[in-house]
Amino acid sequence: MSSAKERKKLLTDKQQAIVDIVVTALEALVVVVCIVVSVMVWVGASDPSERSFNWFAIQTDSMMGDNPDSLNPGDLMFAKRVKSISDLKVGDVIAFKGTVTDSNGNVLDDQIITHRIVSIDALGQIWTKGDNAGGDDFSAKRIEDVIGKYTGKWKGVGKLTLWLGGYKKVVYDENKALGGYGYERTGNTTAFLVIIIPLALLFIYNGYVVVKWTMDERAKKIRAAALAEAEQNSQSQEDVKRAALSEYMRANGMSDEQIAAYFAEQDAKAKQAEAPATEETDDSAKSADDSDDTQD
């Protein structure tokens, strides 16, 4: 009866193994994504001047152009910290903090600006300009203002960072030949959606797995205890019957040796009767297993 139920499982062992592998892979993917997002959020929230290597999501169109190191809004730029003015030259793209004005006319301080060096004067002052800007920047920068020098970029990847940080795309000038759009902060971060919701779902799923496993183990123990109790009760009833029959046989003049011989003979007959049934059951189980293997 139990073997027949086991064969009616929804999935075969091979299919269950595949499902387990897929679920484990998805869990690992969720954890990796959450770690990556956490790192990106942490880097975006921390002070870039404290790190020797940085990456920035480009927010404006000021560096759009045809140069290999030109940058479009939504690109992710990588920058390495520089220690002295000798590490810089005309043509380098650098990141520094400055003041910008958003589409609503609000002045925003301490914003990261990425522009190209157009000259370095005798005083060590750095003059910059955006590739897509109309003119040079109004003020010079010092080496202390430079956060990093361009080392590479990932096109479009910065859009993910901006989205996580709560930025939205804004069109400044539809008639502008190149660009005319950028990204501005909305104040609503979406990073928690990418981190907390998947982790919560993962926690709930694993909680369900633990509860189900606990209940299954408890059911197995209860079943084993019930079978043991039933077997013990069956054996106790058999012992009572043998004791009563032994008393009856003694009352009719049979000796203990004759009674023992009688029960030994009965046990032998019972074993002989059970042997063919056991062999038939084993043959049926083997045939069923062969049929399952053929189907697999």
C-alpha atoms as a PDB file:
ATOM      1  CA  MET A   1       0.000   0.000   0.000  1.00  0.00           C
ATOM      2  CA  SER A   2       2.748   2.452   1.007  1.00  0.00           C
ATOM      3  CA  SER A   3       4.912   1.586  -2.022  1.00  0.00           C
ATOM      4  CA  ALA A   4       1.967   2.239  -4.341  1.00  0.00           C
ATOM      5  CA  LYS A   5       1.510   5.672  -2.796  1.00  0.00           C
ATOM      6  CA  GLU A   6       5.197   6.454  -3.185  1.00  0.00           C
ATOM      7  CA  ARG A   7       5.001   5.703  -6.911  1.00  0.00           C
ATOM      8  CA  LYS A   8       2.185   8.226  -7.294  1.00  0.00           C
ATOM      9  CA  LYS A   9       4.466  11.156  -6.445  1.00  0.00           C
ATOM     10  CA  LEU A  10       4.040  14.242  -8.587  1.00  0.00           C
ATOM     11  CA  LEU A  11       7.732  14.273  -9.568  1.00  0.00           C
ATOM     12  CA  THR A  12      10.238  11.522 -10.131  1.00  0.00           C
ATOM     13  CA  ASP A  13      13.530  11.585  -8.232  1.00  0.00           C
ATOM     14  CA  LYS A  14      15.324  12.972 -11.305  1.00  0.00           C
ATOM     15  CA  GLN A  15      12.739  15.705 -11.797  1.00  0.00           C
ATOM     16  CA  GLN A  16      12.852  16.614  -8.089  1.00  0.00           C
ATOM     17  CA  ALA A  17      16.663  16.837  -8.269  1.00  0.00           C
ATOM     18  CA  ILE A  18      16.398  19.235 -11.236  1.00  0.00           C
ATOM     19  CA  VAL A  19      13.826  21.369  -9.388  1.00  0.00           C
ATOM     20  CA  ASP A  20      16.085  21.515  -6.325  1.00  0.00           C
ATOM     21  CA  ILE A  21      19.046  22.635  -8.456  1.00  0.00           C
ATOM     22  CA  VAL A  22      16.972  25.351 -10.168  1.00  0.00           C
ATOM     23  CA  VAL A  23      15.587  26.633  -6.844  1.00  0.00           C
ATOM     24  CA  THR A  24      19.063  26.715  -5.296  1.00  0.00           C
ATOM     25  CA  ALA A  25      20.416  28.593  -8.325  1.00  0.00           C
ATOM     26  CA  LEU A  26      17.608  31.161  -8.094  1.00  0.00           C
ATOM     27  CA  GLU A  27      18.258  31.641  -4.380  1.00  0.00           C
ATOM     28  CA  ALA A  28      21.962  32.196  -5.078  1.00  0.00           C
ATOM     29  CA  LEU A  29      21.082  34.671  -7.858  1.00  0.00           C
ATOM     30  CA  VAL A  30      18.813  36.641  -5.522  1.00  0.00           C
ATOM     31  CA  VAL A  31      21.572  36.854  -2.905  1.00  0.00           C
ATOM     32  CA  VAL A  32      24.155  37.970  -5.512  1.00  0.00           C
ATOM     33  CA  VAL A  33      21.817  40.640  -6.916  1.00  0.00           C
ATOM     34  CA  CYS A  34      21.092  41.960  -3.429  1.00  0.00           C
ATOM     35  CA  ILE A  35      24.813  42.111  -2.643  1.00  0.00           C
ATOM     36  CA  VAL A  36      25.576  43.955  -5.902  1.00  0.00           C
ATOM     37  CA  VAL A  37      22.749  46.424  -5.342  1.00  0.00           C
ATOM     38  CA  SER A  38      23.840  46.967  -1.741  1.00  0.00           C
ATOM     39  CA  VAL A  39      27.394  47.730  -2.876  1.00  0.00           C
ATOM     40  CA  MET A  40      26.136  50.136  -5.550  1.00  0.00           C
ATOM     41  CA  VAL A  41      23.907  51.925  -3.038  1.00  0.00           C
ATOM     42  CA  TRP A  42      26.716  52.067  -0.479  1.00  0.00           C
ATOM     43  CA  VAL A  43      29.159  53.511  -3.011  1.00  0.00           C
ATOM     44  CA  GLY A  44      26.593  56.042  -4.163  1.00  0.00           C
ATOM     45  CA  ALA A  45      25.850  57.175  -0.606  1.00  0.00           C
ATOM     46  CA  SER A  46      29.436  57.326   0.675  1.00  0.00           C
ATOM     47  CA  ASP A  47      31.907  60.179   0.186  1.00  0.00           C
ATOM     48  CA  PRO A  48      33.872  59.550  -3.051  1.00  0.00           C
ATOM     49  CA  SER A  49      36.779  61.668  -1.849  1.00  0.00           C
ATOM     50  CA  GLU A  50      37.598  58.956   0.704  1.00  0.00           C
ATOM     51  CA  ARG A  51      38.110  56.236  -1.916  1.00  0.00           C
ATOM     52  CA  SER A  52      41.005  55.633  -4.301  1.00  0.00           C
ATOM     53  CA  PHE A  53      38.695  54.178  -6.955  1.00  0.00           C
ATOM     54  CA  ASN A  54      35.196  55.392  -7.808  1.00  0.00           C
ATOM     55  CA  TRP A  55      32.391  55.021 -10.248  1.00  0.00           C
ATOM     56  CA  PHE A  56      29.780  57.623 -11.116  1.00  0.00           C
ATOM     57  CA  ALA A  57      26.504  57.530 -13.003  1.00  0.00           C
ATOM     58  CA  ILE A  58      26.490  60.397 -15.512  1.00  0.00           C
ATOM     59  CA  GLN A  59      23.449  62.619 -14.962  1.00  0.00           C
ATOM     60  CA  THR A  60      23.743  65.365 -17.605  1.00  0.00           C
ATOM     61  CA  ASP A  61      24.521  65.736 -21.299  1.00  0.00           C
ATOM     62  CA  SER A  62      27.514  68.058 -20.810  1.00  0.00           C
ATOM     63  CA  MET A  63      30.032  65.357 -21.813  1.00  0.00           C
ATOM     64  CA  MET A  64      28.228  63.955 -24.855  1.00  0.00           C
ATOM     65  CA  GLY A  65      30.406  63.845 -27.955  1.00  0.00           C
ATOM     66  CA  ASP A  66      32.375  61.746 -30.425  1.00  0.00           C
ATOM     67  CA  ASN A  67      35.488  61.144 -28.316  1.00  0.00           C
ATOM     68  CA  PRO A  68      36.139  57.613 -26.993  1.00  0.00           C
ATOM     69  CA  ASP A  69      35.874  58.961 -23.467  1.00  0.00           C
ATOM     70  CA  SER A  70      32.794  61.131 -24.080  1.00  0.00           C
ATOM     71  CA  LEU A  71      29.913  60.286 -21.770  1.00  0.00           C
ATOM     72  CA  ASN A  72      26.153  60.103 -22.281  1.00  0.00           C
ATOM     73  CA  PRO A  73      23.561  60.496 -19.518  1.00  0.00           C
ATOM     74  CA  GLY A  74      23.133  57.070 -17.959  1.00  0.00           C
ATOM     75  CA  ASP A  75      26.701  55.880 -18.580  1.00  0.00           C
ATOM     76  CA  LEU A  76      28.720  54.529 -15.673  1.00  0.00           C
ATOM     77  CA  MET A  77      32.145  56.166 -15.479  1.00  0.00           C
ATOM     78  CA  PHE A  78      35.125  54.701 -13.606  1.00  0.00           C
ATOM     79  CA  ALA A  79      37.688  57.060 -12.091  1.00  0.00           C
ATOM     80  CA  LYS A  80      40.983  56.636 -10.259  1.00  0.00           C
ATOM     81  CA  ARG A  81      42.188  58.986  -7.544  1.00  0.00           C
ATOM     82  CA  VAL A  82      45.085  61.294  -8.479  1.00  0.00           C
ATOM     83  CA  LYS A  83      47.620  62.563  -5.923  1.00  0.00           C
ATOM     84  CA  SER A  84      49.417  65.377  -7.733  1.00  0.00           C
ATOM     85  CA  ILE A  85      49.035  67.751 -10.657  1.00  0.00           C
ATOM     86  CA  SER A  86      51.687  65.746 -12.525  1.00  0.00           C
ATOM     87  CA  ASP A  87      49.140  62.908 -12.816  1.00  0.00           C
ATOM     88  CA  LEU A  88      46.954  65.108 -15.008  1.00  0.00           C
ATOM     89  CA  LYS A  89      47.308  66.538 -18.512  1.00  0.00           C
ATOM     90  CA  VAL A  90      45.215  68.474 -20.998  1.00  0.00           C
ATOM     91  CA  GLY A  91      42.552  66.220 -22.504  1.00  0.00           C
ATOM     92  CA  ASP A  92      41.981  64.118 -19.383  1.00  0.00           C
ATOM     93  CA  VAL A  93      38.402  63.713 -18.168  1.00  0.00           C
ATOM     94  CA  ILE A  94      38.129  64.343 -14.446  1.00  0.00           C
ATOM     95  CA  ALA A  95      35.389  64.293 -11.816  1.00  0.00           C
ATOM     96  CA  PHE A  96      35.111  67.030  -9.211  1.00  0.00           C
ATOM     97  CA  LYS A  97      32.501  68.556  -6.934  1.00  0.00           C
ATOM     98  CA  GLY A  98      30.742  71.726  -7.963  1.00  0.00           C
ATOM     99  CA  THR A  99      27.482  73.617  -8.082  1.00  0.00           C
ATOM    100  CA  VAL A 100      24.790  72.933 -10.700  1.00  0.00           C
ATOM    101  CA  THR A 101      21.293  74.194 -11.435  1.00  0.00           C
ATOM    102  CA  ASP A 102      18.470  71.724 -12.060  1.00  0.00           C
ATOM    103  CA  SER A 103      15.572  72.063 -14.518  1.00  0.00           C
ATOM    104  CA  ASN A 104      13.506  73.931 -11.917  1.00  0.00           C
ATOM    105  CA  GLY A 105      16.198  76.546 -11.305  1.00  0.00           C
ATOM    106  CA  ASN A 106      17.284  75.103  -7.951  1.00  0.00           C
ATOM    107  CA  VAL A 107      20.979  75.498  -7.136  1.00  0.00           C
ATOM    108  CA  LEU A 108      22.511  72.225  -5.946  1.00  0.00           C
ATOM    109  CA  ASP A 109      25.851  72.271  -4.138  1.00  0.00           C
ATOM    110  CA  ASP A 110      28.446  69.494  -3.821  1.00  0.00           C
ATOM    111  CA  GLN A 111      27.351  67.787  -7.014  1.00  0.00           C
ATOM    112  CA  ILE A 112      29.804  65.545  -8.886  1.00  0.00           C
ATOM    113  CA  ILE A 113      30.672  67.094 -12.251  1.00  0.00           C
ATOM    114  CA  THR A 114      32.590  65.325 -15.002  1.00  0.00           C
ATOM    115  CA  HIS A 115      34.392  67.559 -17.529  1.00  0.00           C
ATOM    116  CA  ARG A 116      37.519  67.549 -19.693  1.00  0.00           C
ATOM    117  CA  ILE A 117      40.705  69.453 -18.867  1.00  0.00           C
ATOM    118  CA  VAL A 118      41.353  72.199 -21.446  1.00  0.00           C
ATOM    119  CA  SER A 119      44.367  73.834 -19.726  1.00  0.00           C
ATOM    120  CA  ILE A 120      46.548  73.797 -16.630  1.00  0.00           C
ATOM    121  CA  ASP A 121      48.112  77.156 -15.823  1.00  0.00           C
ATOM    122  CA  ALA A 122      51.447  77.970 -14.172  1.00  0.00           C
ATOM    123  CA  LEU A 123      49.768  78.188 -10.766  1.00  0.00           C
ATOM    124  CA  GLY A 124      48.555  74.613 -11.065  1.00  0.00           C
ATOM    125  CA  GLN A 125      44.962  75.688 -11.615  1.00  0.00           C
ATOM    126  CA  ILE A 126      42.888  73.283 -13.696  1.00  0.00           C
ATOM    127  CA  TRP A 127      40.472  74.679 -16.279  1.00  0.00           C
ATOM    128  CA  THR A 128      37.748  72.374 -17.606  1.00  0.00           C
ATOM    129  CA  LYS A 129      34.936  72.230 -20.142  1.00  0.00           C
ATOM    130  CA  GLY A 130      32.215  69.797 -21.056  1.00  0.00           C
ATOM    131  CA  ASP A 131      32.456  68.282 -24.552  1.00  0.00           C
ATOM    132  CA  ASN A 132      28.857  69.337 -25.193  1.00  0.00           C
ATOM    133  CA  ALA A 133      29.031  72.659 -23.316  1.00  0.00           C
ATOM    134  CA  GLY A 134      29.052  76.088 -24.930  1.00  0.00           C
ATOM    135  CA  GLY A 135      32.161  77.360 -23.165  1.00  0.00           C
ATOM    136  CA  ASP A 136      34.749  76.743 -20.491  1.00  0.00           C
ATOM    137  CA  ASP A 137      33.760  76.423 -16.850  1.00  0.00           C
ATOM    138  CA  PHE A 138      33.679  79.721 -14.949  1.00  0.00           C
ATOM    139  CA  SER A 139      36.095  78.747 -12.198  1.00  0.00           C
ATOM    140  CA  ALA A 140      39.368  76.842 -12.007  1.00  0.00           C
ATOM    141  CA  LYS A 141      39.887  73.715  -9.908  1.00  0.00           C
ATOM    142  CA  ARG A 142      42.743  72.714  -7.687  1.00  0.00           C
ATOM    143  CA  ILE A 143      44.196  69.247  -7.402  1.00  0.00           C
ATOM    144  CA  GLU A 144      42.417  68.949  -4.028  1.00  0.00           C
ATOM    145  CA  ASP A 145      39.074  69.347  -5.796  1.00  0.00           C
ATOM    146  CA  VAL A 146      39.629  66.442  -8.154  1.00  0.00           C
ATOM    147  CA  ILE A 147      37.872  63.233  -7.082  1.00  0.00           C
ATOM    148  CA  GLY A 148      39.240  61.056  -9.851  1.00  0.00           C
ATOM    149  CA  LYS A 149      40.482  60.747 -13.436  1.00  0.00           C
ATOM    150  CA  TYR A 150      38.573  58.827 -16.094  1.00  0.00           C
ATOM    151  CA  THR A 151      39.742  55.219 -16.593  1.00  0.00           C
ATOM    152  CA  GLY A 152      36.780  53.663 -18.407  1.00  0.00           C
ATOM    153  CA  LYS A 153      33.017  53.466 -18.748  1.00  0.00           C
ATOM    154  CA  TRP A 154      30.067  51.095 -19.122  1.00  0.00           C
ATOM    155  CA  LYS A 155      27.526  52.483 -21.531  1.00  0.00           C
ATOM    156  CA  GLY A 156      24.004  52.680 -20.113  1.00  0.00           C
ATOM    157  CA  VAL A 157      24.788  50.774 -16.902  1.00  0.00           C
ATOM    158  CA  GLY A 158      24.560  53.964 -14.846  1.00  0.00           C
ATOM    159  CA  LYS A 159      20.819  54.051 -15.536  1.00  0.00           C
ATOM    160  CA  LEU A 160      20.410  51.208 -13.048  1.00  0.00           C
ATOM    161  CA  THR A 161      22.347  53.116 -10.394  1.00  0.00           C
ATOM    162  CA  LEU A 162      20.291  56.245 -11.050  1.00  0.00           C
ATOM    163  CA  TRP A 163      17.026  54.293 -10.860  1.00  0.00           C
ATOM    164  CA  LEU A 164      18.067  52.728  -7.561  1.00  0.00           C
ATOM    165  CA  GLY A 165      18.958  56.166  -6.245  1.00  0.00           C
ATOM    166  CA  GLY A 166      15.563  57.596  -7.139  1.00  0.00           C
ATOM    167  CA  TYR A 167      16.513  59.591 -10.244  1.00  0.00           C
ATOM    168  CA  LYS A 168      14.192  60.221 -13.181  1.00  0.00           C
ATOM    169  CA  LYS A 169      14.848  61.228 -16.783  1.00  0.00           C
ATOM    170  CA  VAL A 170      14.202  64.910 -17.502  1.00  0.00           C
ATOM    171  CA  VAL A 171      14.165  66.620 -20.922  1.00  0.00           C
ATOM    172  CA  TYR A 172      15.767  70.058 -20.778  1.00  0.00           C
ATOM    173  CA  ASP A 173      15.678  71.103 -24.435  1.00  0.00           C
ATOM    174  CA  GLU A 174      13.947  69.062 -27.143  1.00  0.00           C
ATOM    175  CA  ASN A 175      15.504  71.220 -29.874  1.00  0.00           C
ATOM    176  CA  LYS A 176      19.092  70.716 -28.746  1.00  0.00           C
ATOM    177  CA  ALA A 177      21.147  69.005 -31.440  1.00  0.00           C
ATOM    178  CA  LEU A 178      22.940  66.679 -29.017  1.00  0.00           C
ATOM    179  CA  GLY A 179      21.482  65.612 -25.721  1.00  0.00           C
ATOM    180  CA  GLY A 180      18.997  67.970 -24.184  1.00  0.00           C
ATOM    181  CA  TYR A 181      18.131  65.539 -21.382  1.00  0.00           C
ATOM    182  CA  GLY A 182      19.507  64.248 -18.105  1.00  0.00           C
ATOM    183  CA  TYR A 183      18.568  62.709 -14.770  1.00  0.00           C
ATOM    184  CA  GLU A 184      17.417  64.429 -11.591  1.00  0.00           C
ATOM    185  CA  ARG A 185      16.711  63.078  -8.124  1.00  0.00           C
ATOM    186  CA  THR A 186      13.065  62.609  -7.154  1.00  0.00           C
ATOM    187  CA  GLY A 187      13.764  61.930  -3.487  1.00  0.00           C
ATOM    188  CA  ASN A 188      12.218  58.451  -3.638  1.00  0.00           C
ATOM    189  CA  THR A 189      14.788  55.669  -3.647  1.00  0.00           C
ATOM    190  CA  THR A 190      13.840  52.287  -5.116  1.00  0.00           C
ATOM    191  CA  ALA A 191      16.844  50.376  -3.803  1.00  0.00           C
ATOM    192  CA  PHE A 192      14.855  48.859  -0.928  1.00  0.00           C
ATOM    193  CA  LEU A 193      12.480  47.256  -3.456  1.00  0.00           C
ATOM    194  CA  VAL A 194      15.359  45.392  -5.069  1.00  0.00           C
ATOM    195  CA  ILE A 195      16.891  44.357  -1.748  1.00  0.00           C
ATOM    196  CA  ILE A 196      14.148  43.899   0.835  1.00  0.00           C
ATOM    197  CA  ILE A 197      11.372  42.354  -1.261  1.00  0.00           C
ATOM    198  CA  PRO A 198      13.502  39.522  -2.781  1.00  0.00           C
ATOM    199  CA  LEU A 199      15.119  38.817   0.590  1.00  0.00           C
ATOM    200  CA  ALA A 200      11.695  38.768   2.262  1.00  0.00           C
ATOM    201  CA  LEU A 201      10.369  36.321  -0.340  1.00  0.00           C
ATOM    202  CA  LEU A 202      13.491  34.198   0.079  1.00  0.00           C
ATOM    203  CA  PHE A 203      13.035  34.225   3.857  1.00  0.00           C
ATOM    204  CA  ILE A 204       9.358  33.236   3.558  1.00  0.00           C
ATOM    205  CA  TYR A 205      10.156  30.396   1.138  1.00  0.00           C
ATOM    206  CA  ASN A 206      12.929  29.000   3.322  1.00  0.00           C
ATOM    207  CA  GLY A 207      10.665  29.321   6.357  1.00  0.00           C
ATOM    208  CA  TYR A 208       8.053  27.265   4.511  1.00  0.00           C
ATOM    209  CA  VAL A 209      10.691  24.640   3.645  1.00  0.00           C
ATOM    210  CA  VAL A 210      11.802  24.388   7.292  1.00  0.00           C
ATOM    211  CA  VAL A 211       8.218  24.127   8.593  1.00  0.00           C
ATOM    212  CA  LYS A 212       7.327  21.489   5.980  1.00  0.00           C
ATOM    213  CA  TRP A 213      10.449  19.465   6.794  1.00  0.00           C
ATOM    214  CA  THR A 214       9.661  19.672  10.539  1.00  0.00           C
ATOM    215  CA  MET A 215       6.088  18.519   9.969  1.00  0.00           C
ATOM    216  CA  ASP A 216       7.218  15.657   7.714  1.00  0.00           C
ATOM    217  CA  GLU A 217       9.756  14.477  10.290  1.00  0.00           C
ATOM    218  CA  ARG A 218       7.120  14.651  13.017  1.00  0.00           C
ATOM    219  CA  ALA A 219       4.690  12.664  10.868  1.00  0.00           C
ATOM    220  CA  LYS A 220       7.378  10.009  10.276  1.00  0.00           C
ATOM    221  CA  LYS A 221       8.025   9.696  14.016  1.00  0.00           C
ATOM    222  CA  ILE A 222       4.294   9.430  14.795  1.00  0.00           C
ATOM    223  CA  ARG A 223       3.864   6.775  12.104  1.00  0.00           C
ATOM    224  CA  ALA A 224       6.873   4.805  13.338  1.00  0.00           C
ATOM    225  CA  ALA A 225       5.582   4.948  16.934  1.00  0.00           C
ATOM    226  CA  ALA A 226       2.110   3.823  15.826  1.00  0.00           C
ATOM    227  CA  LEU A 227       3.541   0.885  13.861  1.00  0.00           C
ATOM    228  CA  ALA A 228       5.734  -0.122  16.809  1.00  0.00           C
ATOM    229  CA  GLU A 229       2.767   0.051  19.190  1.00  0.00           C
ATOM    230  CA  ALA A 230       0.581  -1.962  16.817  1.00  0.00           C
ATOM    231  CA  GLU A 231       3.294  -4.603  16.461  1.00  0.00           C
ATOM    232  CA  GLN A 232       3.729  -4.752  20.235  1.00  0.00           C
ATOM    233  CA  ASN A 233      -0.016  -5.109  20.771  1.00  0.00           C
ATOM    234  CA  SER A 234      -0.184  -7.845  18.130  1.00  0.00           C
ATOM    235  CA  GLN A 235       2.670  -9.707  19.804  1.00  0.00           C
ATOM    236  CA  SER A 236       1.027  -9.320  23.227  1.00  0.00           C
ATOM    237  CA  GLN A 237      -2.236 -10.774  21.921  1.00  0.00           C
ATOM    238  CA  GLU A 238      -0.365 -13.704  20.417  1.00  0.00           C
ATOM    239  CA  ASP A 239       1.383 -14.340  23.720  1.00  0.00           C
ATOM    240  CA  VAL A 240      -1.961 -14.329  25.578  1.00  0.00           C
ATOM    241  CA  LYS A 241      -3.425 -16.815  23.101  1.00  0.00           C
ATOM    242  CA  ARG A 242      -0.397 -19.126  23.439  1.00  0.00           C
ATOM    243  CA  ALA A 243      -0.527 -18.976  27.238  1.00  0.00           C
ATOM    244  CA  ALA A 244      -4.257 -19.865  27.292  1.00  0.00           C
ATOM    245  CA  LEU A 245      -3.742 -22.678  24.793  1.00  0.00           C
ATOM    246  CA  SER A 246      -0.790 -24.020  26.816  1.00  0.00           C
ATOM    247  CA  GLU A 247      -2.928 -24.153  29.993  1.00  0.00           C
ATOM    248  CA  TYR A 248      -5.675 -25.956  28.100  1.00  0.00           C
ATOM    249  CA  MET A 249      -3.192 -28.491  26.690  1.00  0.00           C
ATOM    250  CA  ARG A 250      -1.686 -29.131  30.134  1.00  0.00           C
ATOM    251  CA  ALA A 251      -5.185 -29.635  31.548  1.00  0.00           C
ATOM    252  CA  ASN A 252      -5.649 -32.349  28.935  1.00  0.00           C
ATOM    253  CA  GLY A 253      -2.507 -34.167  30.024  1.00  0.00           C
ATOM    254  CA  MET A 254       0.104 -32.860  27.544  1.00  0.00           C
ATOM    255  CA  SER A 255       3.640 -32.320  28.805  1.00  0.00           C
ATOM    256  CA  ASP A 256       5.642 -29.113  28.383  1.00  0.00           C
ATOM    257  CA  GLU A 257       7.827 -30.866  25.782  1.00  0.00           C
ATOM    258  CA  GLN A 258       4.767 -31.793  23.737  1.00  0.00           C
ATOM    259  CA  ILE A 259       3.365 -28.294  23.974  1.00  0.00           C
ATOM    260  CA  ALA A 260       6.715 -26.775  22.847  1.00  0.00           C
ATOM    261  CA  ALA A 261       6.893 -29.224  19.956  1.00  0.00           C
ATOM    262  CA  TYR A 262       3.341 -28.318  18.925  1.00  0.00           C
ATOM    263  CA  PHE A 263       4.067 -24.580  18.849  1.00  0.00           C
ATOM    264  CA  ALA A 264       7.374 -25.162  16.994  1.00  0.00           C
ATOM    265  CA  GLU A 265       5.468 -27.108  14.350  1.00  0.00           C
ATOM    266  CA  GLN A 266       2.866 -24.350  14.057  1.00  0.00           C
ATOM    267  CA  ASP A 267       5.590 -21.688  13.690  1.00  0.00           C
ATOM    268  CA  ALA A 268       7.281 -23.704  10.936  1.00  0.00           C
ATOM    269  CA  LYS A 269       4.011 -24.024   9.035  1.00  0.00           C
ATOM    270  CA  ALA A 270       3.367 -20.293   9.373  1.00  0.00           C
ATOM    271  CA  LYS A 271       6.803 -19.465   7.974  1.00  0.00           C
ATOM    272  CA  GLN A 272       6.261 -21.828   5.038  1.00  0.00           C
ATOM    273  CA  ALA A 273       2.934 -20.157   4.329  1.00  0.00           C
ATOM    274  CA  GLU A 274       4.502 -16.658   4.451  1.00  0.00           C
ATOM    275  CA  ALA A 275       7.436 -17.514   2.160  1.00  0.00           C
ATOM    276  CA  PRO A 276       5.505 -17.790  -1.181  1.00  0.00           C
ATOM    277  CA  ALA A 277       3.551 -14.600  -0.403  1.00  0.00           C
ATOM    278  CA  THR A 278       6.786 -12.718   0.309  1.00  0.00           C
ATOM    279  CA  GLU A 279       8.370 -13.931  -2.920  1.00  0.00           C
ATOM    280  CA  GLU A 280       5.281 -12.918  -4.889  1.00  0.00           C
ATOM    281  CA  THR A 281       5.341  -9.442  -3.319  1.00  0.00           C
ATOM    282  CA  ASP A 282       9.059  -9.032  -4.133  1.00  0.00           C
ATOM    283  CA  ASP A 283       8.470 -10.108  -7.740  1.00  0.00           C
ATOM    284  CA  SER A 284       5.602  -7.607  -8.084  1.00  0.00           C
ATOM    285  CA  ALA A 285       7.709  -4.786  -6.640  1.00  0.00           C
ATOM    286  CA  LYS A 286      10.607  -5.675  -8.973  1.00  0.00           C
ATOM    287  CA  SER A 287       8.281  -5.665 -12.000  1.00  0.00           C
ATOM    288  CA  ALA A 288       6.895  -2.281 -10.968  1.00  0.00           C
ATOM    289  CA  ASP A 289      10.426  -0.868 -10.546  1.00  0.00           C
ATOM    290  CA  ASP A 290      11.429  -2.198 -13.976  1.00  0.00           C
ATOM    291  CA  SER A 291       8.368  -0.533 -15.442  1.00  0.00           C
ATOM    292  CA  ASP A 292       9.303   2.795 -13.791  1.00  0.00           C
ATOM    293  CA  ASP A 293      12.863   2.548 -15.118  1.00  0.00           C
ATOM    294  CA  THR A 294      11.533   1.858 -18.631  1.00  0.00           C
ATOM    295  CA  GLN A 295       9.305   4.945 -18.445  1.00  0.00           C
ATOM    296  CA  ASP A 296      12.201   7.099 -17.210  1.00  0.00           C
END
